[in-house]
Protein backbone atom coordinates (compact mmCIF):
# COMPACT_ATOMS: atom_id res chain seq x y z
CA MET A 1 -13.89 14.43 -8.59
CA LEU A 2 -16.47 16.17 -10.70
CA THR A 3 -17.01 15.61 -14.38
CA LYS A 4 -14.98 17.99 -16.52
CA ASP A 5 -18.07 19.82 -17.79
CA LEU A 6 -18.60 21.02 -14.20
CA LEU A 7 -15.05 22.37 -13.85
CA ARG A 8 -14.96 26.04 -12.85
CA VAL A 9 -11.53 27.66 -13.23
CA SER A 10 -10.20 31.14 -13.73
CA ARG A 11 -7.52 31.67 -16.38
CA ARG A 12 -6.85 35.22 -15.36
CA GLY A 13 -3.25 36.27 -16.01
CA GLY A 14 -2.48 32.99 -17.76
CA GLY A 15 -2.98 30.97 -14.60
CA TYR A 16 -5.31 28.12 -13.85
CA ARG A 17 -7.16 28.70 -10.63
CA PRO A 18 -10.15 26.64 -9.45
CA GLN A 19 -13.06 28.87 -8.49
CA PHE A 20 -13.42 27.73 -4.92
CA VAL A 21 -16.48 28.68 -2.95
CA ASP A 22 -16.51 30.07 0.56
CA ARG A 23 -19.07 30.26 3.35
CA GLU A 24 -21.07 32.79 1.35
CA GLU A 25 -22.29 29.87 -0.75
CA ARG A 26 -23.48 28.00 2.32
CA PRO A 27 -27.16 29.00 1.73
CA LEU A 28 -27.00 27.60 -1.79
CA ALA A 29 -25.42 24.39 -0.51
CA ALA A 30 -28.19 24.14 2.09
CA ALA A 31 -30.82 24.69 -0.61
CA VAL A 32 -29.45 21.86 -2.76
CA LEU A 33 -29.30 19.58 0.27
CA GLY A 34 -32.89 20.50 1.03
CA ARG A 35 -34.05 19.61 -2.47
CA TYR A 36 -32.62 16.13 -2.10
CA ARG A 37 -34.14 15.57 1.33
CA ASP A 38 -37.51 16.88 0.18
CA HIS A 39 -37.67 14.58 -2.85
CA VAL A 40 -37.21 11.18 -1.22
CA GLY A 41 -39.94 9.01 -2.72
CA GLU A 42 -40.18 11.15 -5.87
CA THR A 43 -38.80 10.61 -9.35
CA ARG A 44 -35.48 11.91 -10.59
CA ALA A 45 -37.38 14.06 -13.05
CA ALA A 46 -39.09 15.85 -10.18
CA LEU A 47 -35.76 16.33 -8.41
CA ASP A 48 -34.14 17.61 -11.62
CA ALA A 49 -36.93 20.12 -12.06
CA ALA A 50 -36.42 21.40 -8.52
CA LEU A 51 -32.67 21.68 -9.10
CA ALA A 52 -33.23 23.47 -12.41
CA GLU A 53 -35.20 26.05 -10.52
CA LEU A 54 -32.20 26.61 -8.23
CA GLU A 55 -29.91 26.87 -11.24
CA ARG A 56 -31.94 29.77 -12.58
CA GLU A 57 -31.58 31.58 -9.26
CA ALA A 58 -27.85 30.92 -8.81
CA ASP A 59 -25.02 33.05 -10.22
CA ASP A 60 -23.45 29.97 -11.83
CA PHE A 61 -25.54 26.95 -12.76
CA LYS A 62 -22.39 24.77 -12.69
CA LEU A 63 -22.11 25.35 -8.97
CA VAL A 64 -25.60 23.93 -8.38
CA ARG A 65 -24.83 20.98 -10.61
CA GLY A 66 -21.52 20.45 -8.83
CA PHE A 67 -23.21 20.30 -5.43
CA ALA A 68 -25.85 17.98 -6.90
CA ALA A 69 -23.22 15.69 -8.44
CA LEU A 70 -21.70 15.14 -5.00
CA LEU A 71 -25.08 14.56 -3.35
CA ASP A 72 -26.15 12.15 -6.06
CA ARG A 73 -23.55 9.74 -4.69
CA GLU A 74 -25.35 9.82 -1.36
CA ALA A 75 -28.75 9.03 -2.86
CA THR A 76 -30.27 5.72 -3.89
CA PHE A 77 -32.47 5.58 -6.98
CA GLU A 78 -34.50 2.51 -7.86
CA THR A 79 -36.87 1.38 -10.58
CA ARG A 80 -40.37 1.02 -9.20
CA ALA A 81 -42.83 -0.83 -11.43
CA PRO A 82 -45.57 -3.46 -10.88
CA VAL A 83 -43.98 -5.60 -13.60
CA PRO A 84 -40.40 -5.60 -14.94
CA PRO A 85 -40.29 -2.95 -17.70
CA GLU A 86 -38.48 -5.22 -20.15
CA ARG A 87 -41.26 -7.79 -19.96
CA VAL A 88 -43.95 -5.11 -20.38
CA ARG A 89 -42.18 -3.53 -23.37
CA ARG A 90 -41.90 -6.88 -25.10
CA ALA A 91 -45.65 -7.46 -24.73
CA VAL A 92 -46.54 -3.91 -25.77
CA PHE A 93 -44.29 -3.98 -28.82
CA GLU A 94 -45.81 -7.28 -29.94
CA ALA A 95 -49.30 -5.82 -29.48
CA SER A 96 -48.29 -2.61 -31.31
CA GLU A 97 -47.08 -4.64 -34.27
CA ALA A 98 -50.43 -6.39 -34.45
CA VAL A 99 -52.47 -3.20 -34.03
CA GLY A 100 -50.29 -0.93 -36.20
CA VAL A 101 -49.98 2.05 -33.86
CA ALA A 102 -50.18 5.46 -35.54
CA SER A 103 -52.51 7.37 -33.20
CA GLU A 104 -53.28 7.77 -29.51
CA THR A 105 -56.36 5.58 -29.90
CA GLU A 106 -54.33 2.79 -31.46
CA ARG A 107 -51.72 3.17 -28.71
CA THR A 108 -54.43 2.71 -26.08
CA ARG A 109 -55.69 -0.36 -27.93
CA ALA A 110 -52.15 -1.85 -28.00
CA LEU A 111 -51.70 -1.19 -24.28
CA SER A 112 -55.04 -2.84 -23.63
CA GLN A 113 -54.06 -5.94 -25.58
CA ALA A 114 -50.71 -6.14 -23.77
CA ALA A 115 -52.45 -5.69 -20.42
CA GLY A 116 -54.77 -8.56 -21.30
CA SER A 117 -51.88 -10.84 -22.21
CA LEU A 118 -50.06 -9.99 -18.99
CA GLY A 119 -53.13 -10.08 -16.75
CA LEU A 120 -52.61 -6.44 -15.72
CA THR A 121 -54.56 -3.23 -15.88
CA VAL A 122 -53.79 -0.73 -18.60
CA ALA A 123 -52.65 1.73 -15.96
CA ALA A 124 -50.16 -0.81 -14.56
CA VAL A 125 -48.80 -1.46 -18.04
CA ASP A 126 -48.46 2.26 -18.77
CA GLU A 127 -46.74 2.82 -15.41
CA SER A 128 -44.25 -0.01 -15.95
CA LEU A 129 -43.48 0.62 -19.60
CA TYR A 130 -40.53 3.05 -19.07
CA ALA A 131 -40.15 2.95 -15.32
CA ASP A 132 -36.48 1.96 -15.69
CA ARG A 133 -35.52 5.14 -17.54
CA GLU A 134 -33.25 7.28 -15.36
CA VAL A 135 -35.67 10.20 -15.18
CA ASN A 136 -38.46 7.88 -14.01
CA GLN A 137 -36.45 6.19 -11.31
CA VAL A 138 -37.46 7.01 -7.75
CA MET A 139 -35.14 8.28 -5.03
CA THR A 140 -35.75 5.73 -2.30
CA ARG A 141 -33.08 6.85 0.12
CA PHE A 142 -31.01 9.91 0.95
CA ASP A 143 -29.29 9.77 4.29
CA SER A 144 -26.25 11.98 3.80
CA PRO A 145 -24.83 13.20 7.12
CA TRP A 146 -23.27 16.22 5.43
CA SER A 147 -23.99 19.74 6.60
CA PRO A 148 -23.91 22.68 4.16
CA ASP A 149 -20.36 23.43 5.35
CA ASP A 150 -19.34 19.81 4.66
CA LEU A 151 -20.77 20.09 1.18
CA VAL A 152 -18.79 23.27 0.52
CA ASP A 153 -15.56 21.59 1.68
CA ARG A 154 -16.19 18.53 -0.46
CA TYR A 155 -17.02 20.64 -3.45
CA ASN A 156 -13.75 22.58 -3.19
CA LEU A 157 -11.72 19.39 -2.87
CA SER A 158 -13.53 17.79 -5.81
CA LEU A 159 -13.03 20.92 -7.89
CA ALA A 160 -9.29 20.91 -7.23
CA GLN A 161 -9.11 17.22 -8.04
CA THR A 162 -10.91 17.80 -11.32
CA ALA A 163 -8.49 20.61 -12.19
CA LEU A 164 -5.59 18.21 -11.65
CA PHE A 165 -7.00 15.68 -14.07
CA ASP A 166 -5.17 17.33 -16.99
CA ALA A 167 -1.89 17.84 -15.12
CA THR A 168 1.28 16.82 -16.91
CA GLU A 169 3.52 17.40 -13.89
CA VAL A 170 2.75 17.92 -10.21
CA ARG A 171 5.28 19.34 -7.74
CA LEU A 172 4.51 18.93 -4.06
CA ARG A 173 6.05 19.99 -0.77
CA SER A 174 4.61 18.81 2.49
CA SER A 175 5.23 18.93 6.22
CA ASP A 176 4.79 15.15 6.07
CA PRO A 177 6.96 14.18 3.08
CA ARG A 178 7.20 10.53 4.08
CA ALA A 179 3.42 10.04 3.90
CA LEU A 180 3.38 11.88 0.61
CA VAL A 181 6.09 9.75 -0.98
CA SER A 182 4.50 6.61 0.35
CA ALA A 183 1.22 7.56 -1.32
CA VAL A 184 2.99 8.42 -4.58
CA LYS A 185 4.64 5.03 -4.66
CA ARG A 186 1.51 3.16 -3.78
CA LEU A 187 -0.44 4.96 -6.45
CA ARG A 188 2.25 3.77 -8.87
CA LEU A 189 3.04 7.22 -10.14
CA MET A 190 6.31 8.11 -11.79
CA TYR A 191 8.17 10.45 -9.48
CA GLU A 192 11.45 11.87 -8.33
CA ILE A 193 12.42 13.82 -5.26
CA ARG A 194 14.43 17.01 -5.48
CA ASN A 195 16.28 18.62 -2.64
CA VAL A 196 15.63 22.34 -3.08
CA SER A 197 17.31 24.59 -0.52
CA GLY A 198 17.11 21.88 2.09
CA GLU A 199 13.45 21.19 1.40
CA ARG A 200 12.24 18.07 -0.36
CA GLU A 201 10.04 18.53 -3.39
CA VAL A 202 8.22 15.53 -4.82
CA VAL A 203 7.83 15.78 -8.58
CA VAL A 204 5.22 13.51 -10.10
CA THR A 205 5.35 13.03 -13.83
CA GLY A 206 2.09 13.00 -15.70
CA PRO A 207 0.87 10.70 -18.45
CA ASP A 208 2.06 12.88 -21.35
CA ALA A 209 5.62 12.03 -20.40
CA LEU A 210 4.82 8.35 -20.71
CA PHE A 211 2.50 7.11 -23.41
CA ARG A 212 -0.77 8.94 -23.59
CA ARG A 213 -3.21 10.58 -21.27
CA THR A 214 -5.01 8.01 -19.20
CA ARG A 215 -7.84 8.25 -16.73
CA ARG A 216 -5.78 6.25 -14.27
CA TYR A 217 -3.29 9.08 -13.88
CA GLY A 218 -5.97 11.72 -13.51
CA THR A 219 -7.63 9.67 -10.81
CA ALA A 220 -4.29 9.03 -9.12
CA PHE A 221 -3.52 12.76 -9.02
CA ALA A 222 -6.90 13.33 -7.39
CA ARG A 223 -6.20 10.73 -4.74
CA LEU A 224 -2.71 12.13 -4.19
CA LEU A 225 -4.20 15.55 -3.47
CA ARG A 226 -6.29 14.04 -0.68
CA THR A 227 -3.12 12.70 0.95
CA ALA A 228 -1.25 15.99 0.49
CA ALA A 229 -4.13 17.96 1.97
CA LYS A 230 -4.01 15.87 5.11
CA ALA A 231 -0.67 17.43 6.13
CA SER A 232 -0.75 20.54 8.28
CA GLU A 233 1.31 22.45 5.73
CA TRP A 234 1.60 21.69 2.03
CA ARG A 235 2.07 23.41 -1.29
CA LEU A 236 1.29 22.13 -4.77
CA GLU A 237 2.27 23.44 -8.17
CA ALA A 238 1.08 21.70 -11.31
CA THR A 239 1.53 22.16 -15.03
CA ILE A 240 -1.86 21.79 -16.69
CA ASP A 241 -2.45 20.92 -20.32
CA ASP A 242 -5.40 23.23 -20.96
CA ARG A 243 -6.41 22.16 -24.46
CA GLY A 244 -2.87 22.52 -25.77
CA THR A 245 -1.90 25.50 -23.62
CA GLU A 246 0.34 24.97 -20.60
CA ARG A 247 -0.93 26.72 -17.49
CA GLU A 248 0.28 26.75 -13.90
CA LEU A 249 -1.97 25.65 -11.06
CA ARG A 250 -1.00 26.56 -7.49
CA LEU A 251 -2.68 25.25 -4.36
CA SER A 252 -1.82 25.24 -0.67
CA ASP A 253 -3.20 24.31 2.71
CA ALA A 254 -4.97 27.69 2.76
CA ASP A 255 -7.24 26.61 -0.11
CA LEU A 256 -8.79 23.38 1.12
CA THR A 257 -10.31 21.88 4.23
CA LEU A 258 -10.11 18.11 4.08
CA PRO A 259 -13.32 16.23 4.86
CA ASP A 260 -13.14 13.91 7.83
CA ASP A 261 -13.26 10.63 5.93
CA ASP A 262 -10.18 8.57 5.13
CA PRO A 263 -7.80 10.34 2.77
CA LEU A 264 -6.73 7.42 0.68
CA ALA A 265 -7.54 3.76 0.22
CA GLU A 266 -3.96 2.75 -0.24
CA PRO A 267 -2.93 -0.40 -1.99
CA THR A 268 -0.47 -2.39 0.08
CA PHE A 269 2.40 -2.54 -2.41
CA ASP A 270 3.66 -0.70 -5.47
CA SER A 271 3.50 -3.84 -7.54
CA GLY A 272 2.71 -7.49 -7.42
CA VAL A 273 6.41 -8.25 -7.82
CA GLU A 274 7.22 -6.43 -4.58
CA ALA A 275 4.27 -7.93 -2.69
CA ASP A 276 5.17 -11.41 -3.86
CA PHE A 277 8.81 -11.01 -2.87
CA ALA A 278 8.02 -9.57 0.57
CA ALA A 279 5.52 -12.32 1.35
CA ARG A 280 7.99 -15.08 0.47
CA PHE A 281 10.95 -13.45 2.21
CA GLU A 282 9.01 -12.98 5.45
CA THR A 283 8.48 -16.74 5.72
CA LEU A 284 12.23 -17.34 6.00
CA ASP A 285 13.93 -17.66 9.36
CA LEU A 286 16.93 -15.44 8.71
CA ASP A 287 18.99 -12.98 10.68
CA TRP A 288 17.86 -10.33 8.19
CA GLU A 289 14.84 -8.17 8.86
CA LEU A 290 12.95 -6.73 5.91
CA THR A 291 11.94 -3.07 6.09
CA ARG A 292 9.69 -1.57 3.48
CA GLU A 293 10.33 1.95 2.16
CA PRO A 294 13.22 2.91 4.45
CA GLU A 295 14.57 6.41 4.79
CA ALA A 296 15.47 8.45 1.72
CA LEU A 297 18.95 8.31 0.19
CA ALA A 298 20.65 11.37 -1.21
CA THR A 299 21.29 11.31 -4.98
CA GLY A 300 23.07 14.56 -5.74
CA THR A 301 20.50 17.34 -5.36
CA ARG A 302 17.70 14.78 -5.25
CA VAL A 303 16.78 11.82 -3.13
CA MET A 304 15.41 8.34 -3.71
CA ILE A 305 13.56 5.96 -1.44
CA PRO A 306 14.46 2.33 -2.12
CA ASP A 307 11.71 -0.25 -2.09
CA PHE A 308 13.17 -2.22 0.83
CA ALA A 309 16.06 -2.47 3.26
CA PHE A 310 17.52 -5.60 4.84
CA ASP A 311 18.73 -5.07 8.39
CA TYR A 312 21.13 -7.59 9.84
CA ARG A 313 19.77 -8.78 13.16
CA PRO A 314 21.93 -11.61 14.53
CA ALA A 315 21.16 -13.08 17.93
CA GLY A 316 22.01 -10.53 20.56
CA SER A 317 21.78 -7.57 18.24
CA ALA A 318 20.07 -4.74 20.02
CA ALA A 319 21.02 -1.60 18.16
CA GLU A 320 18.73 -0.13 15.53
CA ALA A 321 20.19 -0.29 12.06
CA THR A 322 20.13 3.04 10.30
CA GLU A 323 22.65 2.89 7.49
CA PHE A 324 25.69 1.06 6.32
CA ASP A 325 28.69 1.44 8.55
CA SER A 326 31.24 -0.74 10.31
CA ASN A 327 28.89 -1.51 13.16
CA VAL A 328 27.75 -5.08 12.63
CA GLU A 329 24.72 -4.43 14.77
CA GLY A 330 23.57 -1.72 12.41
CA PHE A 331 24.34 -3.18 9.02
CA ARG A 332 21.82 -2.36 6.32
CA VAL A 333 21.52 -3.35 2.67
CA TYR A 334 19.07 -1.38 0.55
CA PHE A 335 17.03 -3.20 -2.07
CA GLU A 336 15.49 -1.68 -5.19
CA ILE A 337 13.34 -3.53 -7.73
CA MET A 338 13.51 -2.14 -11.26
CA GLY A 339 10.44 -3.38 -13.03
CA PHE A 340 9.14 -0.47 -15.04
CA TRP A 341 10.47 -0.31 -18.52
CA THR A 342 9.92 3.04 -20.19
CA PRO A 343 13.17 4.50 -21.53
CA GLU A 344 12.59 7.67 -19.47
CA TYR A 345 12.21 5.64 -16.30
CA VAL A 346 15.30 3.56 -16.93
CA SER A 347 17.36 6.64 -17.74
CA LYS A 348 16.28 8.41 -14.55
CA LYS A 349 16.80 5.33 -12.44
CA LEU A 350 20.32 4.81 -13.74
CA ALA A 351 21.10 8.45 -13.06
CA GLN A 352 19.85 7.98 -9.51
CA LEU A 353 21.98 4.89 -9.03
CA ASP A 354 24.93 6.82 -10.40
CA ASP A 355 24.64 9.55 -7.80
CA VAL A 356 23.23 7.74 -4.79
CA GLU A 357 25.19 8.20 -1.59
CA GLU A 358 27.65 5.49 -0.59
CA VAL A 359 25.51 2.65 0.72
CA GLU A 360 25.22 -1.06 0.08
CA LEU A 361 22.55 -1.33 -2.58
CA LEU A 362 21.18 -4.48 -4.19
CA VAL A 363 19.11 -4.01 -7.35
CA ALA A 364 16.75 -6.60 -8.82
CA VAL A 365 16.56 -5.86 -12.54
CA ASP A 366 13.88 -7.16 -14.85
CA GLU A 367 15.70 -9.11 -17.54
CA SER A 368 13.72 -7.33 -20.24
CA LEU A 369 15.38 -4.03 -19.31
CA GLY A 370 18.83 -5.30 -20.27
CA VAL A 371 20.56 -2.91 -17.88
CA GLY A 372 22.03 -5.33 -15.37
CA GLU A 373 25.60 -4.62 -16.48
CA ALA A 374 24.95 -0.89 -16.43
CA VAL A 375 23.81 -1.14 -12.81
CA GLU A 376 26.81 -3.29 -11.87
CA ALA A 377 29.07 -0.72 -13.50
CA ARG A 378 27.79 1.70 -10.88
CA ASP A 379 29.18 -0.58 -8.13
CA HIS A 380 25.83 -1.95 -7.05
CA ARG A 381 25.04 -5.61 -6.69
CA VAL A 382 22.51 -7.03 -9.11
CA VAL A 383 20.14 -9.96 -9.31
CA SER A 384 18.07 -10.38 -12.45
CA TYR A 385 14.53 -11.63 -12.56
CA SER A 386 11.77 -12.44 -14.96
CA GLY A 387 8.23 -12.35 -13.66
CA ARG A 388 9.14 -12.70 -9.97
CA VAL A 389 12.24 -12.03 -7.92
CA ARG A 390 13.84 -15.28 -6.81
CA VAL A 391 14.27 -15.12 -3.05
CA LYS A 392 17.19 -17.54 -3.19
CA ASP A 393 19.15 -15.13 -5.40
CA VAL A 394 18.65 -12.36 -2.89
CA VAL A 395 19.49 -14.58 0.07
CA ASP A 396 22.68 -15.70 -1.67
CA VAL A 397 23.79 -12.07 -1.87
CA LEU A 398 22.86 -11.47 1.77
CA ARG A 399 24.88 -14.56 2.74
CA THR A 400 28.01 -13.01 1.27
CA TYR A 401 27.51 -9.95 3.48
CA GLU A 402 26.73 -12.22 6.40
CA SER A 403 29.99 -14.14 6.00
CA ASP A 404 31.96 -10.92 6.20
CA LEU A 405 29.94 -9.76 9.18
CA VAL A 406 30.46 -13.03 11.04
CA ALA A 407 34.18 -12.85 10.33
CA ALA A 408 34.28 -9.25 11.56
CA ALA A 409 32.38 -10.21 14.70
CA ALA A 410 34.68 -13.17 15.31
CA ALA A 411 37.69 -10.91 14.91
CA SER A 412 36.33 -8.73 17.70
CA LEU A 413 36.32 -11.70 20.10
CA PRO A 414 39.35 -13.18 21.88
CA THR A 415 40.63 -16.44 20.47
CA ARG A 416 40.31 -18.05 23.94
CA LEU A 417 37.53 -17.33 26.32
CA ALA A 418 37.26 -18.44 29.94
CA LEU A 419 33.70 -18.50 31.25
CA ASP A 420 32.39 -18.33 34.80
CA ASP A 421 29.33 -20.41 33.92
CA ASP A 422 29.10 -24.12 34.66
CA ALA A 423 26.93 -24.44 31.56
CA VAL A 424 25.74 -21.87 29.04
CA SER A 425 24.05 -22.11 25.67
CA LEU A 426 25.78 -20.70 22.60
CA SER A 427 22.76 -18.51 21.86
CA THR A 428 23.00 -16.95 25.33
CA LEU A 429 26.72 -16.43 24.92
CA ALA A 430 26.22 -14.90 21.45
CA GLU A 431 23.62 -12.53 22.83
CA ARG A 432 25.93 -11.63 25.69
CA HIS A 433 28.64 -10.58 23.22
CA GLY A 434 26.28 -9.15 20.59
CA VAL A 435 27.39 -11.49 17.84
CA SER A 436 25.91 -14.37 15.88
CA GLU A 437 26.41 -17.95 17.05
CA ASP A 438 28.52 -18.58 13.94
CA ALA A 439 31.01 -15.98 15.16
CA LEU A 440 31.73 -18.20 18.20
CA ASP A 441 33.06 -20.99 16.00
CA ALA A 442 36.47 -19.32 15.90
CA VAL A 443 36.72 -19.05 19.71
CA SER A 444 38.12 -21.77 21.94
CA PHE A 445 36.79 -22.39 25.45
CA PRO A 446 39.57 -24.21 27.34
CA GLU A 447 37.53 -24.79 30.49
CA HIS A 448 34.40 -26.01 28.76
CA GLU A 449 33.29 -28.73 26.42
CA ARG A 450 30.82 -28.06 23.62
CA VAL A 451 27.88 -30.46 23.79
CA GLY A 452 25.34 -29.74 21.09
CA GLY A 453 24.46 -26.07 21.47
CA THR A 454 25.79 -25.81 25.02
CA LEU A 455 29.17 -25.17 26.63
CA VAL A 456 29.57 -27.17 29.83
CA ARG A 457 32.38 -27.79 32.30
CA PRO A 458 33.69 -31.44 32.23
CA ASP A 459 33.21 -31.88 35.99
CA VAL A 460 29.56 -30.93 35.59
CA LEU A 461 29.18 -33.60 32.97
CA GLU A 462 30.76 -36.14 35.28
CA ARG A 463 28.39 -35.12 38.08
CA VAL A 464 25.47 -35.71 35.78
CA ARG A 465 26.92 -39.09 34.81
CA THR A 466 26.81 -40.19 38.46
CA GLU A 467 23.19 -39.12 38.87
CA VAL A 468 21.64 -40.83 35.86
CA GLU A 469 21.37 -44.51 35.20
CA VAL A 470 19.76 -47.00 32.87
CA GLY A 471 16.03 -47.34 33.45
CA MET A 472 15.43 -43.76 34.68
CA SER A 473 12.45 -42.05 33.19
CA LEU A 474 13.13 -39.25 30.76
CA ALA A 475 11.27 -36.81 33.01
CA ASP A 476 13.61 -37.60 35.93
CA VAL A 477 16.66 -37.25 33.69
CA GLU A 478 15.52 -33.85 32.49
CA ASP A 479 15.17 -32.72 36.11
CA VAL A 480 18.78 -33.71 36.75
CA LEU A 481 20.01 -31.83 33.69
CA ALA A 482 17.94 -28.76 34.45
CA ALA A 483 19.45 -28.56 37.94
CA VAL A 484 22.88 -27.86 36.41
CA GLY A 485 21.61 -25.63 33.60
CA LEU A 486 21.64 -28.16 30.78
CA GLY A 487 18.73 -28.13 28.39
CA ASP A 488 20.02 -29.88 25.30
CA THR A 489 18.91 -33.31 26.60
CA SER A 490 19.53 -35.40 23.48
CA ALA A 491 23.05 -34.05 22.95
CA VAL A 492 24.03 -34.51 26.62
CA LEU A 493 22.67 -38.06 26.84
CA SER A 494 24.42 -38.96 23.60
CA ARG A 495 27.66 -37.55 25.01
CA LEU A 496 27.25 -39.72 28.12
CA GLY A 497 26.47 -42.85 26.11
CA TYR A 498 22.75 -43.08 26.61
CA ARG A 499 19.67 -43.08 24.46
CA VAL A 500 15.96 -42.75 25.16
CA GLU A 501 13.72 -45.72 24.55
CA TRP A 502 10.16 -44.58 24.01
CA GLU A 503 7.28 -46.49 25.52
CA GLY A 504 4.25 -45.56 23.46
CA LEU A 505 2.82 -42.21 24.49
CA GLY A 506 3.65 -42.70 28.14
CA GLY A 507 7.20 -41.34 27.98
CA GLY A 508 10.71 -42.71 27.63
CA VAL A 509 13.33 -44.45 29.74
CA LEU A 510 17.11 -44.29 29.64
CA ARG A 511 19.04 -47.07 27.84
CA GLU A 512 22.68 -47.52 26.96
CA LYS A 513 23.60 -46.70 23.39
CA ALA A 514 24.26 -49.76 21.30
């Protein structure tokens, strides 16, 4: 962004149009670049004088200053002085007080006294005295890789960003709406999504609709434009508060060429509450997979993107969950965290929850909002929180879904199941049938016995009994079990009446259970 005093806009016809520059201004951009490259090792005052000369030759001095403002960020200025200026000034001021400076001669005498006290020459004192003033600082480095065309592109983008600084509402359409919405959320902007003639329009509310104008919002709009401009096709309309007069700003992909650097340094989460919850949930070993910012949900003529979705992934589940339906392999619960508390936000959010399409939606509501009952009245499940969302509360809700899903999966299985396997683990069997292991609890296996987490034929167990004996090493026992497909060693040995006696770190031997 540029500073607002460098903003160049046309208000013709009541509009608000940034005065972009085209390739015709390339020579001027090259001239400004040249001034910077030619003044490495010189003071800022010398550079400013050279730029002022260009300003007099240009049609608009603001354009020269705009180019220079961008190049300034590529330059390094340093204070160069034999002695730190603060130390020199202190000595000179003390000498001036003693001398009583009122003329050039007296000034020279004061400098001489200060030089004597510091052990410097008068010239060194004079050189150091104000070396830290901005105009006296020296450009020590300028290594911008930009070409004149790059500078023109960056100027146009910065100009558009500056124009957006006073926006009260921004409306965006993009060929990559998901990236756009993701950026809006991560920039923590207030937004809604409208479905207009089958096309999604992201509406970002400006600071005037909240509390007061803040620099944060202006900066966020600027960063959002960088993301929007990355799409192959995009269109932006904004309402600008131009010193009390509302004006319309319109931009599209035809106006800007995005520089090659990264479009947006995106924060990882919308809020600390979300980040904290996701981090703690991911440490749990559950059959639920957390998805951040899933697909949009229809809410009347608009859409909303919940913060998270929980996808049920029991052992053996292979299908991708997409939305709530009767398919246990594709069961999804959406999760929204309501943590912002402006009345406008709460009102809009409740309206969204009122109209959202029929899905399973869990809402974590900040207790300070006091709208938990209102959300429940809209047939959505609610957990309340203060400060941080309690993972246990969320898991408890998911468990209620899980119980129903396990029951539904069990109902899809026969009550008796004959298996061809001599031995098979429950996890393998669950995967084979695409259900959770819990769903197998309601099934009987008349030809098998359940030993720990394994189903095994009785005659196989008896065969194992004849092959193991007291005193065998554990390693030999495990070989016997593995030969018949049994891996749950402890459970099998316990079933056969044995235990393992450990002998230090050298292994164990088989003993009869007491």
